[in-house]
C-alpha atoms as a PDB file:
ATOM      1  CA  MET A   1       2.267  18.385  -3.657  1.00  0.00           C
ATOM      2  CA  ALA A   2      -0.329  19.727  -5.846  1.00  0.00           C
ATOM      3  CA  TYR A   3      -1.248  23.397  -5.452  1.00  0.00           C
ATOM      4  CA  ILE A   4      -3.661  24.263  -2.882  1.00  0.00           C
ATOM      5  CA  SER A   5      -5.988  27.169  -3.074  1.00  0.00           C
ATOM      6  CA  TYR A   6      -5.394  30.165  -0.788  1.00  0.00           C
ATOM      7  CA  LEU A   7      -8.697  29.774   0.424  1.00  0.00           C
ATOM      8  CA  ASP A   8      -8.169  26.442   1.479  1.00  0.00           C
ATOM      9  CA  LEU A   9      -4.667  27.067   3.462  1.00  0.00           C
ATOM     10  CA  PRO A  10      -6.306  27.650   6.713  1.00  0.00           C
ATOM     11  CA  LYS A  11      -7.558  23.930   7.093  1.00  0.00           C
ATOM     12  CA  TYR A  12      -3.946  22.769   6.895  1.00  0.00           C
ATOM     13  CA  TRP A  13      -2.713  24.779   9.799  1.00  0.00           C
ATOM     14  CA  GLY A  14      -4.393  22.493  12.698  1.00  0.00           C
ATOM     15  CA  LEU A  15      -6.538  24.967  13.670  1.00  0.00           C
ATOM     16  CA  GLU A  16     -10.117  24.033  15.736  1.00  0.00           C
ATOM     17  CA  ARG A  17     -13.304  25.621  16.153  1.00  0.00           C
ATOM     18  CA  GLY A  18     -13.018  27.774  19.250  1.00  0.00           C
ATOM     19  CA  ASP A  19      -9.252  28.868  19.032  1.00  0.00           C
ATOM     20  CA  ARG A  20      -7.780  31.721  19.557  1.00  0.00           C
ATOM     21  CA  VAL A  21      -5.701  32.904  16.752  1.00  0.00           C
ATOM     22  CA  LEU A  22      -2.783  35.418  16.216  1.00  0.00           C
ATOM     23  CA  LEU A  23      -2.035  35.805  12.713  1.00  0.00           C
ATOM     24  CA  THR A  24       1.367  37.315  11.854  1.00  0.00           C
ATOM     25  CA  SER A  25       2.490  37.525   8.366  1.00  0.00           C
ATOM     26  CA  ASP A  26       4.019  38.714   5.328  1.00  0.00           C
ATOM     27  CA  ILE A  27       1.778  38.035   2.592  1.00  0.00           C
ATOM     28  CA  MET A  28       3.715  39.158  -0.473  1.00  0.00           C
ATOM     29  CA  GLN A  29       5.051  35.780  -1.091  1.00  0.00           C
ATOM     30  CA  LEU A  30       1.530  34.239  -0.625  1.00  0.00           C
ATOM     31  CA  MET A  31      -0.034  36.853  -3.220  1.00  0.00           C
ATOM     32  CA  PHE A  32       2.466  35.889  -5.848  1.00  0.00           C
ATOM     33  CA  THR A  33       2.241  32.288  -5.423  1.00  0.00           C
ATOM     34  CA  THR A  34      -1.776  32.650  -5.533  1.00  0.00           C
ATOM     35  CA  MET A  35      -1.532  34.816  -9.048  1.00  0.00           C
ATOM     36  CA  ARG A  36       1.283  32.543 -10.351  1.00  0.00           C
ATOM     37  CA  ASN A  37      -1.020  29.418 -10.277  1.00  0.00           C
ATOM     38  CA  GLY A  38      -4.064  31.515 -11.613  1.00  0.00           C
ATOM     39  CA  GLU A  39      -5.847  32.817  -8.482  1.00  0.00           C
ATOM     40  CA  ARG A  40      -6.675  36.456  -7.735  1.00  0.00           C
ATOM     41  CA  PHE A  41      -5.454  36.954  -4.023  1.00  0.00           C
ATOM     42  CA  ASP A  42      -8.599  38.554  -2.024  1.00  0.00           C
ATOM     43  CA  ARG A  43      -7.678  39.820   1.329  1.00  0.00           C
ATOM     44  CA  ASP A  44     -11.568  39.768   2.427  1.00  0.00           C
ATOM     45  CA  ALA A  45     -11.792  36.002   1.149  1.00  0.00           C
ATOM     46  CA  PHE A  46      -8.471  34.881   2.898  1.00  0.00           C
ATOM     47  CA  LEU A  47      -9.713  36.237   6.124  1.00  0.00           C
ATOM     48  CA  ASP A  48     -13.065  34.880   5.854  1.00  0.00           C
ATOM     49  CA  ALA A  49     -11.613  31.498   4.841  1.00  0.00           C
ATOM     50  CA  ILE A  50      -9.607  31.777   8.511  1.00  0.00           C
ATOM     51  CA  LEU A  51     -12.473  33.040  10.181  1.00  0.00           C
ATOM     52  CA  GLY A  52     -14.681  30.052   8.665  1.00  0.00           C
ATOM     53  CA  VAL A  53     -12.126  27.431  10.241  1.00  0.00           C
ATOM     54  CA  ILE A  54     -12.289  28.830  13.745  1.00  0.00           C
ATOM     55  CA  GLY A  55     -16.111  29.771  13.950  1.00  0.00           C
ATOM     56  CA  GLU A  56     -18.009  32.104  15.758  1.00  0.00           C
ATOM     57  CA  GLU A  57     -16.672  30.514  18.762  1.00  0.00           C
ATOM     58  CA  GLY A  58     -13.035  31.508  17.573  1.00  0.00           C
ATOM     59  CA  THR A  59     -11.064  34.734  17.996  1.00  0.00           C
ATOM     60  CA  LEU A  60      -8.774  36.077  15.446  1.00  0.00           C
ATOM     61  CA  LEU A  61      -6.019  38.841  16.488  1.00  0.00           C
ATOM     62  CA  ILE A  62      -3.856  40.449  13.894  1.00  0.00           C
ATOM     63  CA  PRO A  63      -1.077  42.949  14.832  1.00  0.00           C
ATOM     64  CA  THR A  64      -1.252  46.604  14.139  1.00  0.00           C
ATOM     65  CA  PHE A  65       1.403  47.816  16.099  1.00  0.00           C
ATOM     66  CA  ASN A  66       3.032  51.594  15.844  1.00  0.00           C
ATOM     67  CA  TRP A  67       5.598  52.655  17.890  1.00  0.00           C
ATOM     68  CA  ASP A  68       5.353  56.712  16.804  1.00  0.00           C
ATOM     69  CA  PHE A  69       4.008  57.368  20.462  1.00  0.00           C
ATOM     70  CA  CYS A  70       7.227  56.965  21.876  1.00  0.00           C
ATOM     71  CA  HIS A  71       8.588  59.708  19.850  1.00  0.00           C
ATOM     72  CA  GLY A  72       5.993  61.988  20.910  1.00  0.00           C
ATOM     73  CA  VAL A  73       3.402  61.659  17.967  1.00  0.00           C
ATOM     74  CA  ALA A  74      -0.162  61.426  19.322  1.00  0.00           C
ATOM     75  CA  PHE A  75      -1.860  58.233  18.972  1.00  0.00           C
ATOM     76  CA  ASP A  76      -5.418  58.411  17.305  1.00  0.00           C
ATOM     77  CA  TYR A  77      -7.429  55.204  17.639  1.00  0.00           C
ATOM     78  CA  HIS A  78      -9.063  55.438  14.163  1.00  0.00           C
ATOM     79  CA  LYS A  79      -6.192  57.179  12.264  1.00  0.00           C
ATOM     80  CA  THR A  80      -3.108  55.993  13.517  1.00  0.00           C
ATOM     81  CA  PRO A  81      -1.784  53.597  10.646  1.00  0.00           C
ATOM     82  CA  CYS A  82      -0.519  50.089  11.127  1.00  0.00           C
ATOM     83  CA  LYS A  83       3.308  49.515  10.835  1.00  0.00           C
ATOM     84  CA  THR A  84       3.235  45.652  10.832  1.00  0.00           C
ATOM     85  CA  GLY A  85       2.048  44.588   7.486  1.00  0.00           C
ATOM     86  CA  ALA A  86      -0.440  45.100   5.093  1.00  0.00           C
ATOM     87  CA  LEU A  87      -3.391  42.461   6.631  1.00  0.00           C
ATOM     88  CA  GLY A  88      -3.573  44.619   9.678  1.00  0.00           C
ATOM     89  CA  GLY A  89      -4.282  47.928   8.306  1.00  0.00           C
ATOM     90  CA  PHE A  90      -6.788  46.211   5.847  1.00  0.00           C
ATOM     91  CA  ALA A  91      -8.377  43.946   8.844  1.00  0.00           C
ATOM     92  CA  LEU A  92      -9.182  47.606  10.501  1.00  0.00           C
ATOM     93  CA  SER A  93     -11.252  48.850   7.386  1.00  0.00           C
ATOM     94  CA  ARG A  94     -13.560  45.893   7.841  1.00  0.00           C
ATOM     95  CA  PRO A  95     -16.906  46.367  10.192  1.00  0.00           C
ATOM     96  CA  ASP A  96     -16.199  42.967  11.828  1.00  0.00           C
ATOM     97  CA  PHE A  97     -12.978  43.843  13.207  1.00  0.00           C
ATOM     98  CA  ARG A  98     -12.196  46.463  16.136  1.00  0.00           C
ATOM     99  CA  ARG A  99      -8.914  47.678  17.061  1.00  0.00           C
ATOM    100  CA  THR A 100      -7.416  47.082  21.105  1.00  0.00           C
ATOM    101  CA  GLN A 101      -6.527  50.025  22.733  1.00  0.00           C
ATOM    102  CA  HIS A 102      -2.672  50.080  23.564  1.00  0.00           C
ATOM    103  CA  PRO A 103      -1.138  52.926  21.273  1.00  0.00           C
ATOM    104  CA  LEU A 104       2.131  50.767  20.876  1.00  0.00           C
ATOM    105  CA  TYR A 105       0.685  47.238  20.568  1.00  0.00           C
ATOM    106  CA  SER A 106      -2.804  47.265  19.133  1.00  0.00           C
ATOM    107  CA  PHE A 107      -4.437  44.259  17.486  1.00  0.00           C
ATOM    108  CA  ALA A 108      -7.395  44.240  14.990  1.00  0.00           C
ATOM    109  CA  VAL A 109      -9.688  41.829  16.546  1.00  0.00           C
ATOM    110  CA  ALA A 110     -12.631  39.518  15.342  1.00  0.00           C
ATOM    111  CA  GLY A 111     -14.783  36.884  16.786  1.00  0.00           C
ATOM    112  CA  LYS A 112     -15.967  35.566  20.385  1.00  0.00           C
ATOM    113  CA  ASP A 113     -13.777  37.578  22.695  1.00  0.00           C
ATOM    114  CA  GLN A 114     -13.380  41.127  20.669  1.00  0.00           C
ATOM    115  CA  GLN A 115     -15.338  42.773  23.499  1.00  0.00           C
ATOM    116  CA  LEU A 116     -12.854  41.515  26.070  1.00  0.00           C
ATOM    117  CA  LEU A 117      -9.974  42.342  24.216  1.00  0.00           C
ATOM    118  CA  CYS A 118     -11.136  46.293  22.981  1.00  0.00           C
ATOM    119  CA  ASP A 119     -11.889  46.514  26.795  1.00  0.00           C
ATOM    120  CA  MET A 120      -8.788  45.726  27.981  1.00  0.00           C
ATOM    121  CA  GLN A 121      -7.064  49.131  29.699  1.00  0.00           C
ATOM    122  CA  ASN A 122      -3.088  47.250  30.010  1.00  0.00           C
ATOM    123  CA  VAL A 123      -0.832  50.052  30.344  1.00  0.00           C
ATOM    124  CA  SER A 124       2.051  47.704  30.222  1.00  0.00           C
ATOM    125  CA  SER A 125       2.576  46.460  26.437  1.00  0.00           C
ATOM    126  CA  PHE A 126       3.113  42.771  27.103  1.00  0.00           C
ATOM    127  CA  GLY A 127       1.735  42.423  30.874  1.00  0.00           C
ATOM    128  CA  VAL A 128      -0.231  39.309  31.996  1.00  0.00           C
ATOM    129  CA  ASP A 129      -3.359  41.827  31.387  1.00  0.00           C
ATOM    130  CA  SER A 130      -2.446  42.481  27.812  1.00  0.00           C
ATOM    131  CA  PRO A 131      -3.604  40.489  24.667  1.00  0.00           C
ATOM    132  CA  PHE A 132      -0.206  38.727  24.714  1.00  0.00           C
ATOM    133  CA  GLY A 133      -1.466  37.628  28.608  1.00  0.00           C
ATOM    134  CA  TYR A 134      -5.017  36.600  26.896  1.00  0.00           C
ATOM    135  CA  LEU A 135      -3.154  34.323  24.034  1.00  0.00           C
ATOM    136  CA  GLU A 136      -0.890  32.631  26.967  1.00  0.00           C
ATOM    137  CA  LYS A 137      -4.200  31.994  29.184  1.00  0.00           C
ATOM    138  CA  ASN A 138      -6.214  30.760  26.568  1.00  0.00           C
ATOM    139  CA  HIS A 139      -4.197  28.360  24.426  1.00  0.00           C
ATOM    140  CA  GLY A 140      -3.568  31.014  21.844  1.00  0.00           C
ATOM    141  CA  LYS A 141      -1.901  29.650  18.597  1.00  0.00           C
ATOM    142  CA  ASN A 142       0.164  32.084  16.657  1.00  0.00           C
ATOM    143  CA  VAL A 143       0.275  31.265  12.850  1.00  0.00           C
ATOM    144  CA  ILE A 144       3.398  32.871  11.149  1.00  0.00           C
ATOM    145  CA  ILE A 145       3.039  33.220   7.336  1.00  0.00           C
ATOM    146  CA  GLY A 146       6.104  33.114   5.197  1.00  0.00           C
ATOM    147  CA  ILE A 147       8.734  34.988   7.835  1.00  0.00           C
ATOM    148  CA  HIS A 148      10.925  33.794  10.703  1.00  0.00           C
ATOM    149  CA  TYR A 149      10.234  33.794  14.502  1.00  0.00           C
ATOM    150  CA  THR A 150      13.163  36.349  14.184  1.00  0.00           C
ATOM    151  CA  ASP A 151      10.922  39.107  12.332  1.00  0.00           C
ATOM    152  CA  CYS A 152       7.712  38.541  14.377  1.00  0.00           C
ATOM    153  CA  PHE A 153       7.574  36.684  17.315  1.00  0.00           C
ATOM    154  CA  THR A 154       6.791  39.338  19.565  1.00  0.00           C
ATOM    155  CA  PHE A 155       5.459  37.195  22.263  1.00  0.00           C
ATOM    156  CA  VAL A 156       8.969  36.333  23.653  1.00  0.00           C
ATOM    157  CA  HIS A 157       8.942  39.759  25.240  1.00  0.00           C
ATOM    158  CA  HIS A 158       5.602  38.907  27.204  1.00  0.00           C
ATOM    159  CA  CYS A 159       7.848  35.708  28.329  1.00  0.00           C
ATOM    160  CA  GLU A 160      10.631  38.467  29.245  1.00  0.00           C
ATOM    161  CA  GLU A 161       8.358  40.326  31.513  1.00  0.00           C
ATOM    162  CA  VAL A 162       6.563  38.010  33.184  1.00  0.00           C
ATOM    163  CA  CYS A 163       8.841  35.305  33.864  1.00  0.00           C
ATOM    164  CA  GLY A 164      10.490  37.002  36.674  1.00  0.00           C
ATOM    165  CA  VAL A 165      14.249  36.938  35.609  1.00  0.00           C
ATOM    166  CA  ASP A 166      16.330  40.620  35.473  1.00  0.00           C
ATOM    167  CA  THR A 167      17.025  40.508  31.578  1.00  0.00           C
ATOM    168  CA  TYR A 168      19.128  43.061  29.692  1.00  0.00           C
ATOM    169  CA  ARG A 169      15.693  44.524  28.794  1.00  0.00           C
ATOM    170  CA  PHE A 170      13.735  47.150  31.307  1.00  0.00           C
ATOM    171  CA  SER A 171      10.463  48.838  31.357  1.00  0.00           C
ATOM    172  CA  LYS A 172      10.116  52.331  30.259  1.00  0.00           C
ATOM    173  CA  THR A 173       7.145  54.819  30.227  1.00  0.00           C
ATOM    174  CA  PHE A 174       6.058  56.741  27.199  1.00  0.00           C
ATOM    175  CA  THR A 175       3.710  59.699  27.735  1.00  0.00           C
ATOM    176  CA  GLY A 176       1.726  61.585  24.938  1.00  0.00           C
ATOM    177  CA  GLN A 177      -1.704  62.499  23.645  1.00  0.00           C
ATOM    178  CA  TYR A 178      -4.218  59.996  22.943  1.00  0.00           C
ATOM    179  CA  ILE A 179      -7.387  60.135  20.898  1.00  0.00           C
ATOM    180  CA  ASP A 180      -9.726  57.656  21.698  1.00  0.00           C
ATOM    181  CA  ALA A 181     -12.338  55.899  19.906  1.00  0.00           C
ATOM    182  CA  GLU A 182     -14.743  58.510  20.821  1.00  0.00           C
ATOM    183  CA  GLY A 183     -12.542  61.222  19.346  1.00  0.00           C
ATOM    184  CA  GLN A 184     -11.985  62.643  23.341  1.00  0.00           C
ATOM    185  CA  GLU A 185      -8.052  63.737  23.591  1.00  0.00           C
ATOM    186  CA  SER A 186      -6.377  62.902  26.688  1.00  0.00           C
ATOM    187  CA  THR A 187      -2.696  62.692  27.911  1.00  0.00           C
ATOM    188  CA  ARG A 188      -2.007  59.310  28.883  1.00  0.00           C
ATOM    189  CA  SER A 189       1.010  56.799  29.753  1.00  0.00           C
ATOM    190  CA  TYR A 190       2.001  53.453  28.739  1.00  0.00           C
ATOM    191  CA  SER A 191       5.012  51.232  28.993  1.00  0.00           C
ATOM    192  CA  MET A 192       7.392  48.596  27.189  1.00  0.00           C
ATOM    193  CA  LEU A 193      10.258  46.774  27.512  1.00  0.00           C
ATOM    194  CA  VAL A 194      13.228  48.648  25.759  1.00  0.00           C
ATOM    195  CA  ARG A 195      16.972  48.013  25.830  1.00  0.00           C
ATOM    196  CA  SER A 196      19.820  50.341  26.089  1.00  0.00           C
ATOM    197  CA  TYR A 197      21.547  51.559  23.149  1.00  0.00           C
ATOM    198  CA  GLU A 198      24.959  50.268  24.372  1.00  0.00           C
ATOM    199  CA  LEU A 199      23.468  46.730  24.605  1.00  0.00           C
ATOM    200  CA  TYR A 200      21.727  47.225  21.147  1.00  0.00           C
ATOM    201  CA  GLU A 201      22.355  44.168  18.930  1.00  0.00           C
ATOM    202  CA  ALA A 202      19.841  42.707  16.524  1.00  0.00           C
ATOM    203  CA  THR A 203      17.603  40.094  17.842  1.00  0.00           C
ATOM    204  CA  ASP A 204      17.825  36.594  16.686  1.00  0.00           C
ATOM    205  CA  LEU A 205      15.272  33.891  17.369  1.00  0.00           C
ATOM    206  CA  THR A 206      16.634  31.206  15.728  1.00  0.00           C
ATOM    207  CA  LEU A 207      17.780  29.149  18.692  1.00  0.00           C
ATOM    208  CA  ILE A 208      14.756  29.650  21.115  1.00  0.00           C
ATOM    209  CA  GLY A 209      12.618  28.780  17.705  1.00  0.00           C
ATOM    210  CA  GLU A 210      14.695  25.603  17.151  1.00  0.00           C
ATOM    211  CA  LYS A 211      14.139  25.026  20.846  1.00  0.00           C
ATOM    212  CA  MET A 212      10.271  25.220  20.711  1.00  0.00           C
ATOM    213  CA  GLU A 213      10.149  22.858  17.664  1.00  0.00           C
ATOM    214  CA  ARG A 214      12.105  20.118  19.318  1.00  0.00           C
ATOM    215  CA  ALA A 215      10.108  20.730  22.345  1.00  0.00           C
ATOM    216  CA  GLY A 216       6.803  20.237  20.206  1.00  0.00           C
ATOM    217  CA  VAL A 217       5.370  23.459  21.314  1.00  0.00           C
ATOM    218  CA  ALA A 218       6.109  25.015  17.676  1.00  0.00           C
ATOM    219  CA  HIS A 219       6.243  23.353  14.318  1.00  0.00           C
ATOM    220  CA  VAL A 220       6.666  24.164  10.564  1.00  0.00           C
ATOM    221  CA  ILE A 221       4.857  23.039   7.490  1.00  0.00           C
ATOM    222  CA  VAL A 222       5.697  24.085   3.857  1.00  0.00           C
ATOM    223  CA  LEU A 223       2.647  24.701   1.283  1.00  0.00           C
ATOM    224  CA  ASN A 224       3.143  25.722  -1.884  1.00  0.00           C
ATOM    225  CA  GLU A 225       6.812  26.428  -0.868  1.00  0.00           C
ATOM    226  CA  ILE A 226       6.009  28.710   1.735  1.00  0.00           C
ATOM    227  CA  PRO A 227       6.487  28.037   5.346  1.00  0.00           C
ATOM    228  CA  TYR A 228       4.025  28.104   7.984  1.00  0.00           C
ATOM    229  CA  ARG A 229       5.121  28.236  11.788  1.00  0.00           C
ATOM    230  CA  ILE A 230       2.425  27.327  14.299  1.00  0.00           C
ATOM    231  CA  VAL A 231       2.951  27.962  17.873  1.00  0.00           C
ATOM    232  CA  ASP A 232       0.909  26.840  20.891  1.00  0.00           C
ATOM    233  CA  LEU A 233       1.489  30.032  23.004  1.00  0.00           C
ATOM    234  CA  THR A 234       0.325  28.255  26.117  1.00  0.00           C
ATOM    235  CA  ALA A 235       2.989  25.560  25.700  1.00  0.00           C
ATOM    236  CA  ALA A 236       5.536  27.776  24.536  1.00  0.00           C
ATOM    237  CA  ALA A 237       5.482  30.170  27.399  1.00  0.00           C
ATOM    238  CA  PRO A 238       7.449  27.737  29.758  1.00  0.00           C
ATOM    239  CA  VAL A 239       9.757  26.836  27.149  1.00  0.00           C
ATOM    240  CA  ILE A 240      10.857  30.273  26.630  1.00  0.00           C
ATOM    241  CA  CYS A 241      10.871  31.396  30.281  1.00  0.00           C
ATOM    242  CA  ASP A 242      12.999  28.055  30.994  1.00  0.00           C
ATOM    243  CA  ASP A 243      15.195  29.509  28.247  1.00  0.00           C
ATOM    244  CA  ILE A 244      15.582  33.086  29.538  1.00  0.00           C
ATOM    245  CA  LYS A 245      16.226  31.657  33.238  1.00  0.00           C
ATOM    246  CA  ASN A 246      19.055  29.806  31.670  1.00  0.00           C
ATOM    247  CA  ASN A 247      20.295  32.300  29.622  1.00  0.00           C
ATOM    248  CA  SER A 248      20.559  29.708  26.767  1.00  0.00           C
ATOM    249  CA  SER A 249      19.563  31.483  23.940  1.00  0.00           C
ATOM    250  CA  ARG A 250      21.790  34.196  24.567  1.00  0.00           C
ATOM    251  CA  GLY A 251      20.964  36.448  21.352  1.00  0.00           C
ATOM    252  CA  ILE A 252      17.460  37.280  22.785  1.00  0.00           C
ATOM    253  CA  CYS A 253      17.432  37.000  26.320  1.00  0.00           C
ATOM    254  CA  LYS A 254      20.947  37.842  27.743  1.00  0.00           C
ATOM    255  CA  HIS A 255      20.699  38.656  31.081  1.00  0.00           C
ATOM    256  CA  LYS A 256      22.233  42.502  31.853  1.00  0.00           C
ATOM    257  CA  LEU A 257      25.842  42.591  32.067  1.00  0.00           C
ATOM    258  CA  GLN A 258      27.564  42.726  35.151  1.00  0.00           C
END
């Protein structure tokens, strides 16, 4: 296949107008490939191309996660940096994107449901009232650029929390200083699923990724020699929950040791 301009790539992802899209990426390979083919990679233009495909009725979320709050560092809505890739941090610099409020698992959001997402007061990182729950309920599509599920597919933790199975993770609450969008400081508490150090091992989502692809709820397309993984999160949730309940992919959903 001939080279496809980076500005045309979103047209190949199977997105439709009105889609809710979670974009997770490592754009380094995409940038290098673009430059090798005589184009200058423009992050603004790339985000505009995605927004153009999903239209004004669509919503785009980009992770801007930061876990310093867990270690006693105050979260500042405007100043706490994104630790999950350059694209999320860049999106926060644009006037059409706003950040959601959770100090650990926030997102840069643009589009129709921006206000809904930015108004969320979820205490739990992964609960049904979080952006992850929103994506499950609203047929969200996770577009993963250039990286494997293991490196970025945080949605599995939402499934671990809501599917009702006693896994090796448990909810832990963190309390610290929070500076909101208006600059007001307060003490707040938030929770997320964690695991005991004695049970720690590297998370491997290879098996669940293969299972989702066999079930047809995820697929991989290769464009300009870069893999793009597209996951239908509404359809993937029951597949992941079934995996957790049956302890199939032991690397990610291993039950607590007896």
